[in-house]
Protein backbone atom coordinates (compact mmCIF):
# COMPACT_ATOMS: atom_id res chain seq x y z
CA UNK A 1 46.20 76.94 -62.57
CA UNK A 2 43.74 76.85 -59.69
CA UNK A 3 43.08 74.24 -57.36
CA UNK A 4 40.26 72.79 -58.50
CA UNK A 5 42.09 72.20 -62.21
CA UNK A 6 43.47 68.84 -63.06
CA UNK A 7 46.25 68.53 -65.66
CA UNK A 8 45.37 65.49 -68.03
CA UNK A 9 47.77 63.51 -70.65
CA UNK A 10 47.63 62.06 -73.33
CA UNK A 11 49.35 58.76 -74.64
CA UNK A 12 48.45 57.94 -77.99
CA UNK A 13 49.50 54.57 -79.04
CA UNK A 14 51.02 52.79 -82.12
CA UNK A 15 52.14 49.39 -81.88
CA UNK A 16 54.83 49.70 -79.27
CA UNK A 17 55.56 53.09 -79.83
CA UNK A 18 53.73 56.21 -78.40
CA UNK A 19 53.47 59.98 -79.59
CA UNK A 20 55.25 62.75 -77.58
CA UNK A 21 55.61 66.81 -77.58
CA UNK A 22 58.66 68.21 -78.59
CA UNK A 23 60.32 67.58 -75.22
CA UNK A 24 59.71 64.33 -75.02
CA UNK A 25 56.59 64.89 -72.73
CA UNK A 26 52.96 63.66 -73.56
CA UNK A 27 50.51 66.06 -74.42
CA UNK A 28 48.22 67.67 -72.30
CA UNK A 29 45.48 69.54 -70.87
CA UNK A 30 43.70 71.22 -68.71
CA UNK A 31 40.55 70.51 -67.31
CA UNK A 32 38.47 72.76 -65.27
CA UNK A 33 35.57 71.57 -63.42
CA UNK A 34 33.68 74.68 -63.39
CA UNK A 35 33.48 74.70 -66.89
CA UNK A 36 30.08 73.62 -67.83
CA UNK A 37 30.63 73.96 -71.65
CA UNK A 38 33.95 71.74 -71.78
CA UNK A 39 33.58 68.30 -73.24
CA UNK A 40 34.29 65.38 -70.67
CA UNK A 41 37.78 64.70 -70.75
CA UNK A 42 37.51 61.35 -72.01
CA UNK A 43 36.03 63.28 -75.18
CA UNK A 44 38.63 65.73 -75.27
CA UNK A 45 41.67 63.41 -74.77
CA UNK A 46 40.67 61.56 -78.50
CA UNK A 47 41.50 65.41 -80.09
CA UNK A 48 44.27 66.36 -78.57
CA UNK A 49 46.98 64.34 -80.36
CA UNK A 50 45.29 62.84 -83.13
CA UNK A 51 42.12 60.02 -83.34
CA UNK A 52 42.06 57.46 -80.93
CA UNK A 53 39.79 55.32 -78.34
CA UNK A 54 40.86 54.66 -75.32
CA UNK A 55 42.11 51.16 -74.61
CA UNK A 56 42.07 51.60 -70.61
CA UNK A 57 40.01 53.26 -68.44
CA UNK A 58 41.60 56.25 -67.29
CA UNK A 59 44.66 56.23 -64.90
CA UNK A 60 45.10 58.43 -61.80
CA UNK A 61 48.59 59.27 -61.47
CA UNK A 62 50.75 59.46 -58.12
CA UNK A 63 50.09 62.93 -56.81
CA UNK A 64 52.58 65.88 -56.67
CA UNK A 65 52.05 66.59 -52.82
CA UNK A 66 49.62 65.77 -50.40
CA UNK A 67 47.28 68.61 -50.90
CA UNK A 68 47.97 68.35 -54.50
CA UNK A 69 45.12 67.40 -57.23
CA UNK A 70 46.93 63.83 -58.50
CA UNK A 71 47.19 64.15 -63.03
CA UNK A 72 45.17 61.76 -64.70
CA UNK A 73 46.32 59.67 -67.83
CA UNK A 74 44.45 58.61 -70.92
CA UNK A 75 45.97 55.77 -72.93
CA UNK A 76 44.56 55.73 -76.84
CA UNK A 77 44.80 53.21 -79.26
CA UNK A 78 45.24 54.76 -82.60
CA UNK A 79 42.16 54.68 -85.10
CA UNK A 80 43.06 55.62 -88.92
CA UNK A 81 45.71 57.59 -90.05
CA UNK A 82 48.58 58.97 -88.10
CA UNK A 83 48.69 62.88 -87.58
CA UNK A 84 51.22 64.06 -89.92
CA UNK A 85 54.58 65.16 -88.23
CA UNK A 86 54.38 63.12 -85.03
CA UNK A 87 57.03 62.69 -83.45
CA UNK A 88 56.99 58.70 -82.24
CA UNK A 89 59.31 57.02 -79.74
CA UNK A 90 59.61 53.64 -78.46
CA UNK A 91 57.47 53.29 -75.11
CA UNK A 92 60.72 52.19 -73.11
CA UNK A 93 62.17 55.60 -73.85
CA UNK A 94 58.75 57.53 -72.30
CA UNK A 95 59.72 58.88 -68.52
CA UNK A 96 57.67 58.14 -65.60
CA UNK A 97 55.71 58.08 -64.44
CA UNK A 98 54.17 57.60 -67.85
CA UNK A 99 55.84 54.28 -68.89
CA UNK A 100 54.79 51.99 -66.56
CA UNK A 101 50.46 52.38 -66.64
CA UNK A 102 50.76 52.72 -70.34
CA UNK A 103 52.50 49.71 -70.70
CA UNK A 104 50.44 48.34 -68.07
CA UNK A 105 47.48 49.35 -70.07
CA UNK A 106 48.67 47.86 -73.20
CA UNK A 107 49.46 44.50 -72.01
CA UNK A 108 45.67 44.31 -70.29
CA UNK A 109 44.60 45.66 -73.54
CA UNK A 110 46.48 42.76 -75.71
CA UNK A 111 46.01 39.85 -73.18
CA UNK A 112 43.64 39.18 -70.38
CA UNK A 113 41.69 42.38 -69.33
CA UNK A 114 41.28 42.98 -65.42
CA UNK A 115 37.57 40.90 -64.19
CA UNK A 116 34.47 43.86 -65.16
CA UNK A 117 36.55 46.10 -67.73
CA UNK A 118 33.87 46.88 -69.83
CA UNK A 119 33.89 46.02 -73.51
CA UNK A 120 34.86 49.26 -74.54
CA UNK A 121 38.14 48.67 -73.46
CA UNK A 122 38.89 45.83 -75.28
CA UNK A 123 40.52 45.32 -79.29
CA UNK A 124 37.66 44.92 -81.70
CA UNK A 125 35.05 46.40 -80.44
CA UNK A 126 34.52 49.85 -81.78
CA UNK A 127 34.92 48.25 -85.18
CA UNK A 128 32.03 45.69 -84.41
CA UNK A 129 30.05 48.91 -83.10
CA UNK A 130 30.32 50.97 -86.34
CA UNK A 131 29.23 47.31 -88.22
CA UNK A 132 26.60 47.29 -86.56
CA UNK A 133 25.42 51.08 -87.11
CA UNK A 134 25.94 51.03 -90.63
CA UNK A 135 23.94 47.96 -90.78
CA UNK A 136 20.65 50.00 -88.84
CA UNK A 137 21.46 52.74 -90.90
CA UNK A 138 21.36 51.24 -94.44
CA UNK A 139 17.99 50.32 -93.37
CA UNK A 140 16.87 53.13 -93.36
CA UNK A 141 18.63 54.84 -96.08
CA UNK A 142 20.98 56.64 -93.77
CA UNK A 143 25.03 56.43 -94.23
CA UNK A 144 27.87 57.43 -91.37
CA UNK A 145 29.97 60.04 -92.53
CA UNK A 146 32.88 59.34 -89.94
CA UNK A 147 34.18 57.73 -87.39
CA UNK A 148 32.52 57.22 -83.95
CA UNK A 149 33.17 60.36 -81.70
CA UNK A 150 33.47 59.61 -78.05
CA UNK A 151 31.39 61.90 -76.01
CA UNK A 152 31.99 59.57 -72.65
CA UNK A 153 33.48 56.32 -71.93
CA UNK A 154 34.06 55.63 -67.80
CA UNK A 155 33.01 52.07 -65.81
CA UNK A 156 29.53 51.81 -66.61
CA UNK A 157 28.45 53.54 -69.67
CA UNK A 158 30.24 54.68 -73.09
CA UNK A 159 28.59 57.49 -75.13
CA UNK A 160 29.60 58.32 -78.78
CA UNK A 161 28.30 60.83 -81.46
CA UNK A 162 27.71 59.27 -84.69
CA UNK A 163 27.74 61.64 -87.61
CA UNK A 164 25.72 60.87 -90.68
CA UNK A 165 24.60 62.16 -94.23
CA UNK A 166 21.44 63.04 -91.80
CA UNK A 167 23.01 64.77 -89.05
CA UNK A 168 24.44 63.16 -85.74
CA UNK A 169 23.16 60.27 -83.84
CA UNK A 170 23.81 58.79 -80.82
CA UNK A 171 24.88 55.55 -79.46
CA UNK A 172 25.25 54.29 -76.08
CA UNK A 173 26.45 50.41 -74.48
CA UNK A 174 26.42 49.85 -71.09
CA UNK A 175 28.11 47.49 -68.49
CA UNK A 176 26.95 44.32 -67.83
CA UNK A 177 25.80 45.85 -64.20
CA UNK A 178 23.49 47.82 -66.71
CA UNK A 179 22.98 45.60 -69.50
CA UNK A 180 19.24 45.55 -69.31
CA UNK A 181 18.65 49.74 -70.67
CA UNK A 182 18.46 48.87 -74.13
CA UNK A 183 15.67 46.70 -73.46
CA UNK A 184 14.06 48.73 -71.15
CA UNK A 185 14.41 51.96 -73.34
CA UNK A 186 12.96 49.87 -76.23
CA UNK A 187 10.01 48.94 -74.27
CA UNK A 188 9.31 52.69 -72.88
CA UNK A 189 9.83 53.82 -77.15
CA UNK A 190 6.84 51.54 -77.46
CA UNK A 191 4.78 52.98 -74.81
CA UNK A 192 5.41 56.15 -73.41
CA UNK A 193 7.29 57.41 -76.73
CA UNK A 194 7.17 61.00 -76.30
CA UNK A 195 9.19 60.91 -72.83
CA UNK A 196 11.91 58.89 -73.97
CA UNK A 197 14.38 59.58 -76.43
CA UNK A 198 13.45 58.92 -80.20
CA UNK A 199 15.08 55.13 -80.37
CA UNK A 200 16.33 54.29 -84.34
CA UNK A 201 18.02 50.47 -83.46
CA UNK A 202 18.68 48.69 -80.33
CA UNK A 203 20.43 45.58 -79.10
CA UNK A 204 19.19 43.82 -76.13
CA UNK A 205 21.55 41.07 -75.85
CA UNK A 206 24.50 43.97 -76.58
CA UNK A 207 23.10 46.61 -74.73
CA UNK A 208 23.21 49.06 -77.54
CA UNK A 209 21.27 51.96 -78.28
CA UNK A 210 21.46 54.07 -81.13
CA UNK A 211 19.11 57.18 -80.23
CA UNK A 212 18.23 60.70 -82.24
CA UNK A 213 19.91 63.67 -80.85
CA UNK A 214 17.55 65.25 -77.50
CA UNK A 215 17.31 68.97 -77.67
CA UNK A 216 17.77 70.63 -74.61
CA UNK A 217 19.63 67.84 -73.12
CA UNK A 218 22.55 69.85 -71.43
CA UNK A 219 23.09 72.36 -69.10
CA UNK A 220 23.86 75.09 -72.46
CA UNK A 221 20.51 74.63 -74.27
CA UNK A 222 17.88 73.21 -71.64
CA UNK A 223 14.85 75.34 -71.38
CA UNK A 224 13.93 76.93 -68.30
CA UNK A 225 11.03 74.85 -66.57
CA UNK A 226 12.45 71.74 -67.03
CA UNK A 227 12.03 70.21 -63.80
CA UNK A 228 8.67 71.69 -63.38
CA UNK A 229 7.82 70.05 -66.58
CA UNK A 230 8.90 67.08 -66.05
CA UNK A 231 7.58 66.41 -63.03
CA UNK A 232 3.52 65.86 -63.40
CA UNK A 233 4.43 64.75 -66.87
CA UNK A 234 6.73 61.73 -65.32
CA UNK A 235 3.81 61.05 -62.18
CA UNK A 236 1.16 60.83 -64.93
CA UNK A 237 3.61 58.07 -66.95
CA UNK A 238 4.23 56.05 -63.86
CA UNK A 239 0.44 56.19 -62.74
CA UNK A 240 -0.18 54.48 -66.15
CA UNK A 241 3.16 52.60 -66.50
CA UNK A 242 1.04 50.42 -63.59
CA UNK A 243 -0.79 48.27 -66.45
CA UNK A 244 2.21 47.03 -68.06
CA UNK A 245 4.13 46.49 -65.89
CA UNK A 246 5.21 42.83 -66.55
CA UNK A 247 6.14 43.89 -69.64
CA UNK A 248 9.32 45.73 -68.26
CA UNK A 249 10.13 42.82 -65.90
CA UNK A 250 10.49 40.77 -68.85
CA UNK A 251 12.58 43.03 -70.62
CA UNK A 252 14.63 42.78 -67.18
CA UNK A 253 14.13 45.83 -65.43
CA UNK A 254 14.74 44.87 -62.15
CA UNK A 255 12.25 44.74 -58.87
CA UNK A 256 13.93 47.32 -56.42
CA UNK A 257 10.58 47.09 -54.09
CA UNK A 258 10.36 47.36 -50.23
CA UNK A 259 12.14 44.11 -49.06
CA UNK A 260 14.55 43.87 -51.77
CA UNK A 261 15.64 47.64 -51.00
CA UNK A 262 16.10 47.12 -47.38
CA UNK A 263 17.82 43.59 -47.92
CA UNK A 264 20.52 45.01 -49.53
CA UNK A 265 20.85 48.13 -47.50
CA UNK A 266 21.75 45.66 -44.09
CA UNK A 267 24.29 43.88 -46.36
CA UNK A 268 25.84 46.88 -48.09
CA UNK A 269 26.18 48.60 -44.03
CA UNK A 270 27.25 45.13 -42.88
CA UNK A 271 30.04 44.61 -46.01
CA UNK A 272 31.07 47.92 -47.31
CA UNK A 273 34.63 48.59 -47.33
CA UNK A 274 34.05 52.37 -47.10
CA UNK A 275 32.23 52.38 -44.16
CA UNK A 276 35.74 51.04 -42.43
CA UNK A 277 36.13 54.53 -41.63
CA UNK A 278 33.64 54.79 -39.26
CA UNK A 279 34.66 55.53 -35.73
CA UNK A 280 32.74 53.53 -32.92
CA UNK A 281 30.85 56.40 -31.66
CA UNK A 282 29.82 56.87 -35.48
CA UNK A 283 29.07 52.83 -35.92
CA UNK A 284 27.21 53.25 -32.18
CA UNK A 285 25.13 55.73 -33.62
CA UNK A 286 24.62 53.68 -36.82
CA UNK A 287 23.17 50.67 -35.28
CA UNK A 288 20.46 52.88 -34.01
CA UNK A 289 20.01 54.94 -36.90
CA UNK A 290 20.23 51.57 -39.09
CA UNK A 291 16.93 50.02 -37.04
CA UNK A 292 14.58 53.33 -37.02
CA UNK A 293 15.83 54.40 -40.49
CA UNK A 294 14.21 50.63 -41.55
CA UNK A 295 11.06 51.64 -39.60
CA UNK A 296 10.39 54.79 -41.50
CA UNK A 297 10.97 52.64 -44.68
CA UNK A 298 8.41 50.49 -43.77
CA UNK A 299 6.13 53.02 -43.41
CA UNK A 300 6.78 54.89 -46.30
CA UNK A 301 6.17 51.61 -48.42
CA UNK A 302 3.20 51.43 -45.92
CA UNK A 303 1.32 54.82 -47.18
CA UNK A 304 -0.14 53.06 -49.97
CA UNK A 305 1.24 54.29 -53.29
CA UNK A 306 2.09 51.14 -55.26
CA UNK A 307 5.50 50.00 -56.89
CA UNK A 308 5.53 51.11 -60.50
CA UNK A 309 8.44 52.12 -63.44
CA UNK A 310 10.96 54.64 -61.59
CA UNK A 311 14.17 56.22 -63.66
CA UNK A 312 15.93 55.30 -60.50
CA UNK A 313 18.41 58.62 -60.65
CA UNK A 314 16.00 61.33 -61.80
CA UNK A 315 17.62 64.61 -61.57
CA UNK A 316 17.40 67.57 -63.99
CA UNK A 317 20.87 66.63 -65.90
CA UNK A 318 18.86 63.60 -67.04
CA UNK A 319 15.75 65.55 -68.25
CA UNK A 320 15.95 67.25 -72.10
CA UNK A 321 13.54 70.29 -72.40
CA UNK A 322 13.39 72.66 -75.36
CA UNK A 323 10.85 74.08 -74.44
CA UNK A 324 8.12 72.35 -75.75
CA UNK A 325 8.90 68.49 -75.14
CA UNK A 326 10.14 66.55 -72.00
CA UNK A 327 12.19 63.93 -72.60
CA UNK A 328 13.57 61.54 -69.95
CA UNK A 329 17.23 59.82 -70.82
CA UNK A 330 19.59 57.94 -69.15
CA UNK A 331 17.90 54.68 -68.53
CA UNK A 332 20.33 52.51 -66.22
CA UNK A 333 19.04 52.83 -62.64
CA UNK A 334 15.39 52.13 -64.33
CA UNK A 335 13.37 49.90 -62.52
CA UNK A 336 10.06 48.71 -60.22
CA UNK A 337 9.96 50.67 -57.05
CA UNK A 338 8.42 53.15 -54.57
CA UNK A 339 7.92 56.17 -57.74
CA UNK A 340 8.27 58.63 -54.95
CA UNK A 341 11.65 57.99 -54.76
CA UNK A 342 11.82 59.76 -58.33
CA UNK A 343 9.67 62.68 -57.35
CA UNK A 344 11.87 63.36 -54.47
CA UNK A 345 15.06 62.60 -55.85
CA UNK A 346 14.13 65.21 -58.81
CA UNK A 347 13.08 68.19 -56.01
CA UNK A 348 15.87 66.95 -53.57
CA UNK A 349 18.62 67.68 -56.10
CA UNK A 350 16.92 71.09 -56.49
CA UNK A 351 18.39 72.15 -52.91
CA UNK A 352 21.33 70.63 -53.84
CA UNK A 353 21.75 73.26 -57.05
CA UNK A 354 20.26 76.20 -54.35
CA UNK A 355 18.08 77.22 -56.57
CA UNK A 356 15.96 79.08 -54.45
CA UNK A 357 13.92 78.25 -51.16
CA UNK A 358 10.87 76.72 -51.82
CA UNK A 359 11.73 74.86 -54.87
CA UNK A 360 11.80 71.64 -54.37
CA UNK A 361 8.38 71.83 -51.86
CA UNK A 362 6.77 73.30 -55.25
CA UNK A 363 8.25 70.65 -57.67
CA UNK A 364 7.43 67.42 -55.63
CA UNK A 365 3.59 68.60 -54.98
CA UNK A 366 3.46 69.06 -58.27
CA UNK A 367 4.81 65.46 -59.19
CA UNK A 368 2.11 64.52 -56.17
CA UNK A 369 -0.91 65.42 -57.81
CA UNK A 370 -1.35 62.84 -60.55
CA UNK A 371 -0.82 60.37 -57.98
CA UNK A 372 -3.50 62.07 -55.20
CA UNK A 373 -5.93 62.27 -57.87
CA UNK A 374 -5.52 58.38 -58.74
CA UNK A 375 -4.69 57.01 -55.31
CA UNK A 376 -7.31 59.46 -53.16
CA UNK A 377 -6.87 56.90 -49.99
CA UNK A 378 -3.34 56.75 -49.84
CA UNK A 379 -1.34 59.07 -47.79
CA UNK A 380 0.65 60.97 -49.92
CA UNK A 381 1.83 64.02 -47.09
CA UNK A 382 3.31 60.93 -44.99
CA UNK A 383 5.21 59.70 -48.21
CA UNK A 384 5.97 62.97 -49.17
CA UNK A 385 7.63 63.42 -46.00
CA UNK A 386 9.41 60.21 -45.90
CA UNK A 387 10.41 60.17 -49.34
CA UNK A 388 14.13 62.16 -48.88
CA UNK A 389 15.36 59.44 -46.09
CA UNK A 390 13.53 56.02 -48.55
CA UNK A 391 15.51 57.90 -51.22
CA UNK A 392 18.98 58.07 -49.31
CA UNK A 393 18.55 54.64 -48.67
CA UNK A 394 17.94 53.15 -51.86
CA UNK A 395 20.47 55.60 -53.65
CA UNK A 396 23.42 54.02 -50.92
CA UNK A 397 21.91 50.58 -52.36
CA UNK A 398 22.46 51.95 -56.05
CA UNK A 399 26.11 52.91 -55.32
CA UNK A 400 27.00 49.87 -53.59
CA UNK A 401 26.05 47.74 -55.95
CA UNK A 402 27.63 50.01 -59.16
CA UNK A 403 30.78 49.66 -57.34
CA UNK A 404 30.56 46.26 -56.64
CA UNK A 405 30.43 45.49 -60.18
CA UNK A 406 32.87 48.21 -62.02
CA UNK A 407 36.21 47.05 -62.06
CA UNK A 408 38.67 47.20 -58.93
CA UNK A 409 39.86 50.65 -58.73
CA UNK A 410 37.63 52.62 -61.19
CA UNK A 411 37.25 55.07 -58.24
CA UNK A 412 34.02 56.53 -60.12
CA UNK A 413 31.56 56.50 -57.21
CA UNK A 414 34.66 56.13 -54.07
CA UNK A 415 32.90 57.53 -51.32
CA UNK A 416 29.27 57.68 -52.25
CA UNK A 417 28.11 55.26 -49.49
CA UNK A 418 29.88 56.79 -46.20
CA UNK A 419 28.13 59.86 -47.57
CA UNK A 420 24.79 58.66 -48.07
CA UNK A 421 25.46 56.21 -44.74
CA UNK A 422 26.24 59.64 -42.43
CA UNK A 423 22.93 61.50 -44.28
CA UNK A 424 20.75 58.93 -43.08
CA UNK A 425 22.18 58.40 -39.87
CA UNK A 426 22.12 62.43 -39.42
CA UNK A 427 18.63 62.66 -40.68
CA UNK A 428 17.52 60.20 -38.69
CA UNK A 429 19.15 61.16 -35.41
CA UNK A 430 18.59 64.72 -35.54
CA UNK A 431 14.80 65.25 -37.21
CA UNK A 432 13.42 61.67 -37.03
CA UNK A 433 13.40 60.90 -40.39
């Protein structure tokens, strides 16, 4: 096994027993993060031993050595019939390091869950979802042909494939922090339906979405030119959205403009536990850089481009493109803010992907063209220059808020606030923004 690979163990639980392999160990599989075609580990875990659903977040087990990647543990509740020939053992007979976290997960599942644990790790949730899906499908003369199939479950969302007699659909639920996504997508489907997922049904209060599958949504089948097609199309849609922002606000779309962004960023700099590791020298640099960054972010917002609908996390992985249609998905971070944050993020990620010199600049210029036409007096060039720094500040706030809203110990975004803060300091210190 290479250094980048990780072993995942699967505890499939039935009452107070757990399915084990012949030697008494748990079934397991190895994840290779460099294999883009592999399913998410939370999806694969539900197929290893028998059909189950996660009753707790994935557990990180103690590392065997200081420089090794710790194993992960998936604790699943059996749904449906037990697999034939399975060897079930009493939970108390399970060896460590598995027994204790499996026992803890079961106690939390049956009793009081830790604060901020998402609903999809609670008893009966999957039954309620399937009943709701069946009700929506019946209205369209469609029938579900099997249980929900896990695509991914984690601290902020749960995505499942729904098999039906007319082909698969997709179901998504969001945590409380992103509960407005369903209502936002519902409004977008009415206004810019050609650019968002095709919505079958939604429940705004529960934060549930049932959608048609997207063609060209994964790295495996996304057509070439997705970013080039998305950048100007999305900019044009943002310009039109200026006329119906009140609808989005009524749907719960957050306001994340200049003052809200800077005020929250200051709080993050003062309170984020991740920044406790900064050295004294780094803290002094941060104090100076934060003042410089704030001045530049204010200048960015003063360039003459108004706040509008923004995706909030626009990168190639959230763009579906089959060579003909562009559709933008994953609207958890949807908000009203400066639109160039989206354009900058989409282009800047190309640099991370190493797609070639000049790619990011070309995409950014294509994105800016509709804004130049709509606001000829705006200082678009200066806004483009300042957008990467402003996006770093904006994303620092985003990830700090997600971490604060997630269950303690979730660890899905550990280190992001620290990394972005250091990038802000470096950008302001060495390049003046």
